[in-house]
Structure formats: C-alpha cells, structure tokens
Amino acid sequence: MKTLNITYDTTEIEENGKPITGETCYNLKLRDELADQLLRTGKCDPISMMHIELVLQGVELLQGRKIVLDSIKHFELVKEGKES
C-alpha cells in the first residue's frame, strides 16, 4: 500500500448563498499498482477513478463541502512517517 496526496477542487456555500470554489488535498492509501499508475500517468481505469472520487465526495460531505467532479489535479507520493 502507498499513500498518495490527492489535490482537487471543492465548493462551499457561504451564508450569503454565494458558492466559493477552492483547492484542497487529501491523503488516501491505495494498492501499489494503482498508486504507481497514478503517479506515472495521472490516470487510471474509470472504475478506480470513480471510487477515488466517491471517497473524496464522502470526505468533503462530512466537512460541509462538495468535490468538483473531474477536478483532480495532482497525485503525490506521501513519504513514510508523513501520512497524517
């Protein structure tokens, strides 16, 4: 397993009803083969990408935000000991 830091966009609705979009990131553990492919090409099979976005959707929902679908910008390997 490898931990990747995934950078993507989120949207939050302010009290005045105006949406604000910003960039955020999240660390996610993935099987080695998938992590290596994402680090190498930034892409993977559609089903795996759908599941990654689904995890990120849940994380953002719990924080009161929404992920902007298809907004993943970057994958970076998290060095051991820096996974928090």
N, C-alpha and C. Protein backbone atom coordinates (compact mmCIF):
# COMPACT_ATOMS: atom_id res chain seq x y z
N MET A 1 0.84 -1.18 0.00
CA MET A 1 0.00 0.00 0.00
C MET A 1 0.88 1.24 0.00
N LYS A 2 0.44 2.23 -0.77
CA LYS A 2 1.12 3.52 -0.80
C LYS A 2 0.09 4.60 -0.49
N THR A 3 0.55 5.65 0.15
CA THR A 3 -0.33 6.78 0.43
C THR A 3 -0.04 7.88 -0.56
N LEU A 4 -1.10 8.32 -1.25
CA LEU A 4 -0.98 9.43 -2.18
C LEU A 4 -1.70 10.64 -1.64
N ASN A 5 -1.12 11.81 -1.84
CA ASN A 5 -1.79 13.07 -1.56
C ASN A 5 -2.45 13.50 -2.85
N ILE A 6 -3.76 13.66 -2.80
CA ILE A 6 -4.55 13.98 -4.00
C ILE A 6 -5.03 15.43 -3.89
N THR A 7 -4.74 16.24 -4.89
CA THR A 7 -5.15 17.64 -4.93
C THR A 7 -6.34 17.77 -5.88
N TYR A 8 -7.38 18.49 -5.41
CA TYR A 8 -8.61 18.63 -6.19
C TYR A 8 -9.36 19.89 -5.73
N ASP A 9 -10.44 20.24 -6.42
CA ASP A 9 -11.23 21.42 -6.09
C ASP A 9 -12.48 21.04 -5.31
N THR A 10 -12.89 21.95 -4.42
CA THR A 10 -14.13 21.79 -3.67
C THR A 10 -14.94 23.08 -3.76
N THR A 11 -16.24 22.95 -3.49
CA THR A 11 -17.13 24.11 -3.45
C THR A 11 -17.84 24.12 -2.11
N GLU A 12 -17.96 25.32 -1.55
CA GLU A 12 -18.66 25.51 -0.29
C GLU A 12 -19.63 26.68 -0.48
N ILE A 13 -20.81 26.56 0.08
CA ILE A 13 -21.79 27.63 0.00
C ILE A 13 -21.67 28.48 1.27
N GLU A 14 -21.42 29.77 1.08
CA GLU A 14 -21.32 30.68 2.23
C GLU A 14 -22.72 31.03 2.74
N GLU A 15 -22.76 31.69 3.88
CA GLU A 15 -24.03 32.07 4.49
C GLU A 15 -24.86 32.95 3.57
N ASN A 16 -24.23 33.75 2.74
CA ASN A 16 -24.97 34.62 1.82
C ASN A 16 -25.44 33.88 0.57
N GLY A 17 -25.20 32.57 0.52
CA GLY A 17 -25.64 31.75 -0.60
C GLY A 17 -24.70 31.72 -1.78
N LYS A 18 -23.61 32.43 -1.68
CA LYS A 18 -22.64 32.50 -2.77
C LYS A 18 -21.68 31.32 -2.69
N PRO A 19 -21.49 30.60 -3.81
CA PRO A 19 -20.54 29.48 -3.79
C PRO A 19 -19.10 29.97 -3.87
N ILE A 20 -18.25 29.29 -3.12
CA ILE A 20 -16.81 29.57 -3.17
C ILE A 20 -16.12 28.27 -3.55
N THR A 21 -15.28 28.33 -4.57
CA THR A 21 -14.52 27.16 -5.01
C THR A 21 -13.06 27.36 -4.63
N GLY A 22 -12.48 26.31 -4.09
CA GLY A 22 -11.08 26.37 -3.70
C GLY A 22 -10.41 25.02 -3.87
N GLU A 23 -9.12 25.01 -3.72
CA GLU A 23 -8.31 23.80 -3.87
C GLU A 23 -8.03 23.21 -2.50
N THR A 24 -8.05 21.89 -2.42
CA THR A 24 -7.72 21.19 -1.19
C THR A 24 -7.01 19.90 -1.55
N CYS A 25 -6.61 19.15 -0.54
CA CYS A 25 -5.97 17.86 -0.79
C CYS A 25 -6.33 16.88 0.31
N TYR A 26 -6.11 15.61 0.02
CA TYR A 26 -6.44 14.54 0.96
C TYR A 26 -5.48 13.39 0.73
N ASN A 27 -5.02 12.76 1.82
CA ASN A 27 -4.15 11.59 1.72
C ASN A 27 -4.99 10.34 1.69
N LEU A 28 -4.73 9.45 0.72
CA LEU A 28 -5.50 8.24 0.54
C LEU A 28 -4.56 7.06 0.29
N LYS A 29 -4.77 5.97 1.04
CA LYS A 29 -3.98 4.76 0.82
C LYS A 29 -4.57 3.97 -0.34
N LEU A 30 -3.68 3.54 -1.25
CA LEU A 30 -4.08 2.80 -2.43
C LEU A 30 -3.14 1.61 -2.63
N ARG A 31 -3.62 0.60 -3.33
CA ARG A 31 -2.75 -0.53 -3.64
C ARG A 31 -1.60 -0.04 -4.51
N ASP A 32 -0.47 -0.70 -4.39
CA ASP A 32 0.76 -0.26 -5.07
C ASP A 32 0.59 -0.07 -6.56
N GLU A 33 -0.05 -1.01 -7.24
CA GLU A 33 -0.17 -0.94 -8.70
C GLU A 33 -0.95 0.30 -9.13
N LEU A 34 -2.05 0.59 -8.44
CA LEU A 34 -2.87 1.75 -8.77
C LEU A 34 -2.11 3.04 -8.46
N ALA A 35 -1.48 3.09 -7.30
CA ALA A 35 -0.71 4.28 -6.92
C ALA A 35 0.41 4.56 -7.93
N ASP A 36 1.12 3.53 -8.33
CA ASP A 36 2.21 3.70 -9.30
C ASP A 36 1.70 4.23 -10.63
N GLN A 37 0.57 3.70 -11.08
CA GLN A 37 -0.01 4.16 -12.34
C GLN A 37 -0.42 5.64 -12.25
N LEU A 38 -1.05 6.03 -11.14
CA LEU A 38 -1.47 7.42 -10.97
C LEU A 38 -0.27 8.35 -10.89
N LEU A 39 0.79 7.93 -10.23
CA LEU A 39 2.00 8.74 -10.15
C LEU A 39 2.68 8.88 -11.51
N ARG A 40 2.63 7.80 -12.29
CA ARG A 40 3.29 7.78 -13.59
C ARG A 40 2.52 8.58 -14.64
N THR A 41 1.18 8.40 -14.69
CA THR A 41 0.40 8.96 -15.79
C THR A 41 -0.68 9.96 -15.35
N GLY A 42 -1.02 9.96 -14.06
CA GLY A 42 -2.12 10.81 -13.60
C GLY A 42 -3.48 10.27 -13.94
N LYS A 43 -3.50 9.06 -14.49
CA LYS A 43 -4.76 8.45 -14.93
C LYS A 43 -4.84 7.00 -14.46
N CYS A 44 -6.08 6.49 -14.45
CA CYS A 44 -6.30 5.08 -14.15
C CYS A 44 -7.61 4.67 -14.81
N ASP A 45 -8.00 3.43 -14.60
CA ASP A 45 -9.24 2.97 -15.21
C ASP A 45 -10.42 3.74 -14.62
N PRO A 46 -11.49 3.91 -15.40
CA PRO A 46 -12.64 4.72 -14.96
C PRO A 46 -13.28 4.24 -13.66
N ILE A 47 -13.32 2.95 -13.43
CA ILE A 47 -13.95 2.43 -12.21
C ILE A 47 -13.13 2.83 -10.98
N SER A 48 -11.81 2.69 -11.06
CA SER A 48 -10.96 3.10 -9.93
C SER A 48 -11.07 4.59 -9.67
N MET A 49 -11.08 5.40 -10.74
CA MET A 49 -11.21 6.85 -10.56
C MET A 49 -12.56 7.20 -9.94
N MET A 50 -13.60 6.49 -10.33
CA MET A 50 -14.93 6.72 -9.76
C MET A 50 -14.90 6.45 -8.25
N HIS A 51 -14.23 5.38 -7.85
CA HIS A 51 -14.16 5.05 -6.42
C HIS A 51 -13.31 6.07 -5.65
N ILE A 52 -12.24 6.55 -6.25
CA ILE A 52 -11.43 7.58 -5.61
C ILE A 52 -12.28 8.83 -5.39
N GLU A 53 -13.01 9.27 -6.43
CA GLU A 53 -13.86 10.45 -6.31
C GLU A 53 -14.98 10.21 -5.29
N LEU A 54 -15.49 8.99 -5.21
CA LEU A 54 -16.53 8.67 -4.24
C LEU A 54 -16.01 8.84 -2.81
N VAL A 55 -14.79 8.37 -2.55
CA VAL A 55 -14.18 8.56 -1.23
C VAL A 55 -14.04 10.05 -0.94
N LEU A 56 -13.54 10.81 -1.91
CA LEU A 56 -13.35 12.24 -1.71
C LEU A 56 -14.69 12.96 -1.51
N GLN A 57 -15.74 12.49 -2.20
CA GLN A 57 -17.07 13.07 -2.00
C GLN A 57 -17.51 12.91 -0.55
N GLY A 58 -17.30 11.72 0.01
CA GLY A 58 -17.67 11.47 1.40
C GLY A 58 -16.90 12.35 2.36
N VAL A 59 -15.60 12.49 2.13
CA VAL A 59 -14.76 13.33 2.98
C VAL A 59 -15.27 14.77 2.95
N GLU A 60 -15.54 15.28 1.77
CA GLU A 60 -15.99 16.66 1.64
C GLU A 60 -17.38 16.86 2.22
N LEU A 61 -18.26 15.91 2.03
CA LEU A 61 -19.61 15.98 2.60
C LEU A 61 -19.54 16.12 4.12
N LEU A 62 -18.68 15.35 4.76
CA LEU A 62 -18.53 15.40 6.21
C LEU A 62 -17.95 16.73 6.69
N GLN A 63 -17.32 17.47 5.78
CA GLN A 63 -16.74 18.77 6.12
C GLN A 63 -17.62 19.93 5.64
N GLY A 64 -18.80 19.60 5.11
CA GLY A 64 -19.72 20.64 4.67
C GLY A 64 -19.42 21.23 3.31
N ARG A 65 -18.67 20.49 2.51
CA ARG A 65 -18.31 20.96 1.16
C ARG A 65 -18.67 19.90 0.14
N LYS A 66 -18.47 20.24 -1.14
CA LYS A 66 -18.68 19.28 -2.23
C LYS A 66 -17.45 19.27 -3.11
N ILE A 67 -17.07 18.09 -3.56
CA ILE A 67 -15.97 17.98 -4.51
C ILE A 67 -16.47 18.44 -5.88
N VAL A 68 -15.64 19.12 -6.62
CA VAL A 68 -15.93 19.46 -8.01
C VAL A 68 -15.51 18.23 -8.81
N LEU A 69 -16.47 17.54 -9.39
CA LEU A 69 -16.17 16.30 -10.10
C LEU A 69 -15.20 16.57 -11.26
N ASP A 70 -14.35 15.60 -11.54
CA ASP A 70 -13.33 15.68 -12.59
C ASP A 70 -12.32 16.80 -12.34
N SER A 71 -12.12 17.18 -11.07
CA SER A 71 -11.20 18.29 -10.78
C SER A 71 -9.88 17.82 -10.17
N ILE A 72 -9.65 16.51 -10.11
CA ILE A 72 -8.38 16.03 -9.55
C ILE A 72 -7.24 16.56 -10.41
N LYS A 73 -6.29 17.22 -9.75
CA LYS A 73 -5.22 17.89 -10.47
C LYS A 73 -3.86 17.23 -10.33
N HIS A 74 -3.65 16.56 -9.17
CA HIS A 74 -2.29 16.11 -8.89
C HIS A 74 -2.29 14.95 -7.92
N PHE A 75 -1.39 14.02 -8.14
CA PHE A 75 -1.14 12.91 -7.22
C PHE A 75 0.32 12.98 -6.79
N GLU A 76 0.56 12.89 -5.49
CA GLU A 76 1.93 12.94 -4.99
C GLU A 76 2.11 11.86 -3.93
N LEU A 77 3.22 11.16 -3.99
CA LEU A 77 3.52 10.12 -3.01
C LEU A 77 3.84 10.76 -1.66
N VAL A 78 3.19 10.27 -0.62
CA VAL A 78 3.47 10.74 0.74
C VAL A 78 4.57 9.86 1.30
N LYS A 79 5.63 10.48 1.76
CA LYS A 79 6.76 9.74 2.32
C LYS A 79 6.35 9.07 3.62
N GLU A 80 6.89 7.90 3.89
CA GLU A 80 6.59 7.19 5.13
C GLU A 80 6.88 8.07 6.33
N GLY A 81 5.99 8.01 7.33
CA GLY A 81 6.15 8.84 8.51
C GLY A 81 5.51 10.20 8.40
N LYS A 82 4.99 10.54 7.21
CA LYS A 82 4.34 11.84 7.00
C LYS A 82 2.92 11.65 6.52
N GLU A 83 2.24 10.62 7.00
CA GLU A 83 0.92 10.28 6.48
C GLU A 83 -0.23 10.97 7.20
N SER A 84 0.00 11.76 8.19
CA SER A 84 -1.10 12.39 8.91
C SER A 84 -1.60 13.65 8.24
